[in-house]
Amino acid sequence: MKLEGALELARRGELYPGIILHGRSAEGRLDAALEMARALLCELEPERRPCGECAHCRRIVAPGDASGRFHPDFLVLERDLKTSTSAESTRTLLRSVQQRPFEARGQVFLVVNAETLSGGAANALLKNLEEPPTSAPRHFLLLAPSSVDLLPTLRSRSLAIY
């Protein structure tokens, strides 16, 4: 599926819980993920999402953004070890899945460099993709150079978007 089609699903609230954003450059994948997160959390009516101007859209920023802005319902998991993302840091992020969203109608979890998830980290994430909480929408955006860089179990439970 192409990004435009996925953004339309996000606007309508019909997007899969697990999304693999692959291809392009790392910066291109990140830009696509930010656009997707804004479409998912924007407060305007579906046909106008993402507006880029509401409080939700303005506060969804790239990891390490110097502006100091952040959105409490947009959480980011980055590689914490030299070559991988640990199960411990993944489980810490996933504790937020069990909480209700703070401000938005749902939550978005961005996994940067998803290809570096350790086996334990991927399995912890997999549980949440298989049985997402139903109290509010939760979406996991997995960024990877190629979808084949992820475990087959993650790929089978996610929608790949180039």
C-alpha atoms as a PDB file:
ATOM      1  CA  MET A   1       0.000   0.000   0.000  1.00  0.00           C
ATOM      2  CA  LYS A   2       1.122   3.543  -0.671  1.00  0.00           C
ATOM      3  CA  LEU A   3       1.281   6.292   1.958  1.00  0.00           C
ATOM      4  CA  GLU A   4      -1.658   8.263   0.533  1.00  0.00           C
ATOM      5  CA  GLY A   5      -3.989   5.270   0.922  1.00  0.00           C
ATOM      6  CA  ALA A   6      -2.838   4.676   4.486  1.00  0.00           C
ATOM      7  CA  LEU A   7      -3.351   8.348   5.360  1.00  0.00           C
ATOM      8  CA  GLU A   8      -6.931   8.091   4.112  1.00  0.00           C
ATOM      9  CA  LEU A   9      -7.494   5.039   6.353  1.00  0.00           C
ATOM     10  CA  ALA A  10      -5.956   6.969   9.269  1.00  0.00           C
ATOM     11  CA  ARG A  11      -8.287   9.929   8.693  1.00  0.00           C
ATOM     12  CA  ARG A  12     -11.312   7.638   8.772  1.00  0.00           C
ATOM     13  CA  GLY A  13     -10.085   5.728  11.844  1.00  0.00           C
ATOM     14  CA  GLU A  14      -9.772   2.459   9.916  1.00  0.00           C
ATOM     15  CA  LEU A  15      -6.006   1.961  10.040  1.00  0.00           C
ATOM     16  CA  TYR A  16      -4.433  -1.290  11.257  1.00  0.00           C
ATOM     17  CA  PRO A  17      -2.866  -1.166  14.744  1.00  0.00           C
ATOM     18  CA  GLY A  18       0.527  -2.158  13.312  1.00  0.00           C
ATOM     19  CA  ILE A  19       2.068  -0.228  10.414  1.00  0.00           C
ATOM     20  CA  ILE A  20       5.457  -0.852   8.840  1.00  0.00           C
ATOM     21  CA  LEU A  21       6.807   2.233   7.074  1.00  0.00           C
ATOM     22  CA  HIS A  22       9.644   1.059   4.828  1.00  0.00           C
ATOM     23  CA  GLY A  23      11.618   2.312   1.857  1.00  0.00           C
ATOM     24  CA  ARG A  24      12.898   5.826   1.204  1.00  0.00           C
ATOM     25  CA  SER A  25      15.558   7.285   3.452  1.00  0.00           C
ATOM     26  CA  ALA A  26      15.462   7.230   7.252  1.00  0.00           C
ATOM     27  CA  GLU A  27      14.410  10.883   7.129  1.00  0.00           C
ATOM     28  CA  GLY A  28      11.662  10.104   4.602  1.00  0.00           C
ATOM     29  CA  ARG A  29      10.302   7.302   6.787  1.00  0.00           C
ATOM     30  CA  LEU A  30      10.318   9.592   9.815  1.00  0.00           C
ATOM     31  CA  ASP A  31       8.500  12.359   7.924  1.00  0.00           C
ATOM     32  CA  ALA A  32       5.870   9.836   6.787  1.00  0.00           C
ATOM     33  CA  ALA A  33       5.461   8.584  10.366  1.00  0.00           C
ATOM     34  CA  LEU A  34       4.974  12.102  11.718  1.00  0.00           C
ATOM     35  CA  GLU A  35       2.351  12.797   9.046  1.00  0.00           C
ATOM     36  CA  MET A  36       0.595   9.526   9.908  1.00  0.00           C
ATOM     37  CA  ALA A  37       0.669  10.302  13.646  1.00  0.00           C
ATOM     38  CA  ARG A  38      -0.800  13.746  13.021  1.00  0.00           C
ATOM     39  CA  ALA A  39      -3.575  12.237  10.900  1.00  0.00           C
ATOM     40  CA  LEU A  40      -4.347   9.762  13.682  1.00  0.00           C
ATOM     41  CA  LEU A  41      -4.397  12.289  16.541  1.00  0.00           C
ATOM     42  CA  CYS A  42      -5.586  15.518  14.854  1.00  0.00           C
ATOM     43  CA  GLU A  43      -8.651  17.005  16.533  1.00  0.00           C
ATOM     44  CA  LEU A  44     -10.390  18.198  13.355  1.00  0.00           C
ATOM     45  CA  GLU A  45     -13.038  16.321  11.385  1.00  0.00           C
ATOM     46  CA  PRO A  46     -11.682  13.379   9.360  1.00  0.00           C
ATOM     47  CA  GLU A  47     -11.589  15.044   5.932  1.00  0.00           C
ATOM     48  CA  ARG A  48      -9.349  17.857   7.260  1.00  0.00           C
ATOM     49  CA  ARG A  49      -6.802  15.646   9.071  1.00  0.00           C
ATOM     50  CA  PRO A  50      -3.958  16.351   9.572  1.00  0.00           C
ATOM     51  CA  CYS A  51      -4.426  20.094   9.808  1.00  0.00           C
ATOM     52  CA  GLY A  52      -0.915  20.870  11.050  1.00  0.00           C
ATOM     53  CA  GLU A  53      -2.315  23.684  13.195  1.00  0.00           C
ATOM     54  CA  CYS A  54      -4.244  22.162  16.100  1.00  0.00           C
ATOM     55  CA  ALA A  55      -2.541  21.542  19.447  1.00  0.00           C
ATOM     56  CA  HIS A  56      -2.143  17.838  18.687  1.00  0.00           C
ATOM     57  CA  CYS A  57      -0.567  18.336  15.251  1.00  0.00           C
ATOM     58  CA  ARG A  58       1.845  21.037  16.429  1.00  0.00           C
ATOM     59  CA  ARG A  59       3.135  18.941  19.319  1.00  0.00           C
ATOM     60  CA  ILE A  60       3.938  15.807  17.319  1.00  0.00           C
ATOM     61  CA  VAL A  61       7.606  16.354  16.549  1.00  0.00           C
ATOM     62  CA  ALA A  62      10.598  14.257  15.555  1.00  0.00           C
ATOM     63  CA  PRO A  63      12.668  12.624  18.283  1.00  0.00           C
ATOM     64  CA  GLY A  64      15.314  15.039  19.522  1.00  0.00           C
ATOM     65  CA  ASP A  65      13.466  18.111  18.235  1.00  0.00           C
ATOM     66  CA  ALA A  66      15.006  21.166  19.894  1.00  0.00           C
ATOM     67  CA  SER A  67      11.685  22.995  20.278  1.00  0.00           C
ATOM     68  CA  GLY A  68      10.919  21.222  23.540  1.00  0.00           C
ATOM     69  CA  ARG A  69       7.418  20.352  22.323  1.00  0.00           C
ATOM     70  CA  PHE A  70       6.013  16.906  22.963  1.00  0.00           C
ATOM     71  CA  HIS A  71       2.690  15.112  22.846  1.00  0.00           C
ATOM     72  CA  PRO A  72       1.898  12.790  25.770  1.00  0.00           C
ATOM     73  CA  ASP A  73       0.042  10.360  23.478  1.00  0.00           C
ATOM     74  CA  PHE A  74       2.863  10.138  20.915  1.00  0.00           C
ATOM     75  CA  LEU A  75       5.653   7.972  22.304  1.00  0.00           C
ATOM     76  CA  VAL A  76       8.928   7.078  20.618  1.00  0.00           C
ATOM     77  CA  LEU A  77      11.147   4.032  21.041  1.00  0.00           C
ATOM     78  CA  GLU A  78      14.689   4.422  19.729  1.00  0.00           C
ATOM     79  CA  ARG A  79      17.575   1.992  19.691  1.00  0.00           C
ATOM     80  CA  ASP A  80      19.109   2.008  23.181  1.00  0.00           C
ATOM     81  CA  LEU A  81      22.001  -0.409  22.684  1.00  0.00           C
ATOM     82  CA  LYS A  82      24.823  -0.216  20.135  1.00  0.00           C
ATOM     83  CA  THR A  83      23.251  -2.692  17.746  1.00  0.00           C
ATOM     84  CA  SER A  84      19.732  -3.365  19.006  1.00  0.00           C
ATOM     85  CA  THR A  85      16.665  -2.143  20.811  1.00  0.00           C
ATOM     86  CA  SER A  86      16.370  -3.945  24.133  1.00  0.00           C
ATOM     87  CA  ALA A  87      13.383  -5.842  25.464  1.00  0.00           C
ATOM     88  CA  GLU A  88      13.572  -3.746  28.638  1.00  0.00           C
ATOM     89  CA  SER A  89      13.155  -0.404  26.863  1.00  0.00           C
ATOM     90  CA  THR A  90      10.367  -1.893  24.720  1.00  0.00           C
ATOM     91  CA  ARG A  91       8.493  -3.136  27.787  1.00  0.00           C
ATOM     92  CA  THR A  92       8.889   0.295  29.400  1.00  0.00           C
ATOM     93  CA  LEU A  93       7.260   1.906  26.362  1.00  0.00           C
ATOM     94  CA  LEU A  94       4.515  -0.722  26.274  1.00  0.00           C
ATOM     95  CA  ARG A  95       3.436   0.070  29.827  1.00  0.00           C
ATOM     96  CA  SER A  96       1.874   3.200  28.339  1.00  0.00           C
ATOM     97  CA  VAL A  97      -0.354   1.025  26.158  1.00  0.00           C
ATOM     98  CA  GLN A  98      -2.197  -0.066  29.287  1.00  0.00           C
ATOM     99  CA  GLN A  99      -3.001   3.531  30.233  1.00  0.00           C
ATOM    100  CA  ARG A 100      -5.756   5.643  28.775  1.00  0.00           C
ATOM    101  CA  PRO A 101      -4.670   8.398  26.378  1.00  0.00           C
ATOM    102  CA  PHE A 102      -3.925  11.659  28.173  1.00  0.00           C
ATOM    103  CA  GLU A 103      -5.374  14.129  25.664  1.00  0.00           C
ATOM    104  CA  ALA A 104      -6.046  12.621  22.254  1.00  0.00           C
ATOM    105  CA  ARG A 105      -8.615  10.049  21.208  1.00  0.00           C
ATOM    106  CA  GLY A 106      -5.855   7.441  20.922  1.00  0.00           C
ATOM    107  CA  GLN A 107      -2.126   6.825  21.148  1.00  0.00           C
ATOM    108  CA  VAL A 108       0.644   6.454  18.579  1.00  0.00           C
ATOM    109  CA  PHE A 109       3.856   4.569  19.303  1.00  0.00           C
ATOM    110  CA  LEU A 110       6.765   5.193  16.956  1.00  0.00           C
ATOM    111  CA  VAL A 111       9.452   2.504  16.786  1.00  0.00           C
ATOM    112  CA  VAL A 112      12.476   4.040  15.067  1.00  0.00           C
ATOM    113  CA  ASN A 113      14.888   1.479  13.580  1.00  0.00           C
ATOM    114  CA  ALA A 114      12.419  -1.366  14.122  1.00  0.00           C
ATOM    115  CA  GLU A 115      14.833  -3.689  12.335  1.00  0.00           C
ATOM    116  CA  THR A 116      17.036  -3.506  15.469  1.00  0.00           C
ATOM    117  CA  LEU A 117      14.400  -4.920  17.834  1.00  0.00           C
ATOM    118  CA  SER A 118      15.908  -7.809  19.789  1.00  0.00           C
ATOM    119  CA  GLY A 119      13.970 -11.073  19.849  1.00  0.00           C
ATOM    120  CA  GLY A 120      12.546 -10.287  23.281  1.00  0.00           C
ATOM    121  CA  ALA A 121      11.619  -6.754  22.239  1.00  0.00           C
ATOM    122  CA  ALA A 122       9.853  -7.984  19.095  1.00  0.00           C
ATOM    123  CA  ASN A 123       7.914 -10.578  21.085  1.00  0.00           C
ATOM    124  CA  ALA A 124       6.805  -7.988  23.649  1.00  0.00           C
ATOM    125  CA  LEU A 125       5.587  -5.753  20.831  1.00  0.00           C
ATOM    126  CA  LEU A 126       3.914  -8.671  19.093  1.00  0.00           C
ATOM    127  CA  LYS A 127       1.614  -9.290  22.069  1.00  0.00           C
ATOM    128  CA  ASN A 128       0.263  -5.755  21.765  1.00  0.00           C
ATOM    129  CA  LEU A 129      -0.226  -6.070  18.017  1.00  0.00           C
ATOM    130  CA  GLU A 130      -2.145  -9.326  18.436  1.00  0.00           C
ATOM    131  CA  GLU A 131      -4.356  -8.107  21.268  1.00  0.00           C
ATOM    132  CA  PRO A 132      -4.538  -4.310  21.179  1.00  0.00           C
ATOM    133  CA  PRO A 133      -6.491  -2.636  23.992  1.00  0.00           C
ATOM    134  CA  THR A 134     -10.003  -1.737  22.896  1.00  0.00           C
ATOM    135  CA  SER A 135     -10.633   1.261  25.172  1.00  0.00           C
ATOM    136  CA  ALA A 136      -8.987   3.655  22.666  1.00  0.00           C
ATOM    137  CA  PRO A 137      -7.136   3.235  19.358  1.00  0.00           C
ATOM    138  CA  ARG A 138      -3.438   2.412  19.620  1.00  0.00           C
ATOM    139  CA  HIS A 139      -1.187   2.446  16.588  1.00  0.00           C
ATOM    140  CA  PHE A 140       2.369   1.221  16.286  1.00  0.00           C
ATOM    141  CA  LEU A 141       4.440   2.771  13.483  1.00  0.00           C
ATOM    142  CA  LEU A 142       7.468   0.600  12.791  1.00  0.00           C
ATOM    143  CA  LEU A 143      10.195   2.268  10.710  1.00  0.00           C
ATOM    144  CA  ALA A 144      12.602   0.023   8.805  1.00  0.00           C
ATOM    145  CA  PRO A 145      14.606   0.221   5.567  1.00  0.00           C
ATOM    146  CA  SER A 146      12.745  -2.846   4.303  1.00  0.00           C
ATOM    147  CA  SER A 147       9.799  -4.768   5.701  1.00  0.00           C
ATOM    148  CA  VAL A 148      11.768  -8.009   5.284  1.00  0.00           C
ATOM    149  CA  ASP A 149      14.194  -6.713   7.948  1.00  0.00           C
ATOM    150  CA  LEU A 150      11.494  -7.411  10.562  1.00  0.00           C
ATOM    151  CA  LEU A 151      10.526 -10.756  12.031  1.00  0.00           C
ATOM    152  CA  PRO A 152       7.918 -12.625   9.965  1.00  0.00           C
ATOM    153  CA  THR A 153       5.523 -12.573  12.926  1.00  0.00           C
ATOM    154  CA  LEU A 154       5.630  -8.758  13.063  1.00  0.00           C
ATOM    155  CA  ARG A 155       5.188  -8.513   9.298  1.00  0.00           C
ATOM    156  CA  SER A 156       2.188 -10.836   9.349  1.00  0.00           C
ATOM    157  CA  ARG A 157       0.365  -8.649  11.883  1.00  0.00           C
ATOM    158  CA  SER A 158       1.162  -5.296  10.313  1.00  0.00           C
ATOM    159  CA  LEU A 159       0.299  -3.382   7.182  1.00  0.00           C
ATOM    160  CA  ALA A 160       3.402  -2.577   5.131  1.00  0.00           C
ATOM    161  CA  ILE A 161       3.461   0.887   3.560  1.00  0.00           C
ATOM    162  CA  TYR A 162       6.141   1.941   1.138  1.00  0.00           C
END
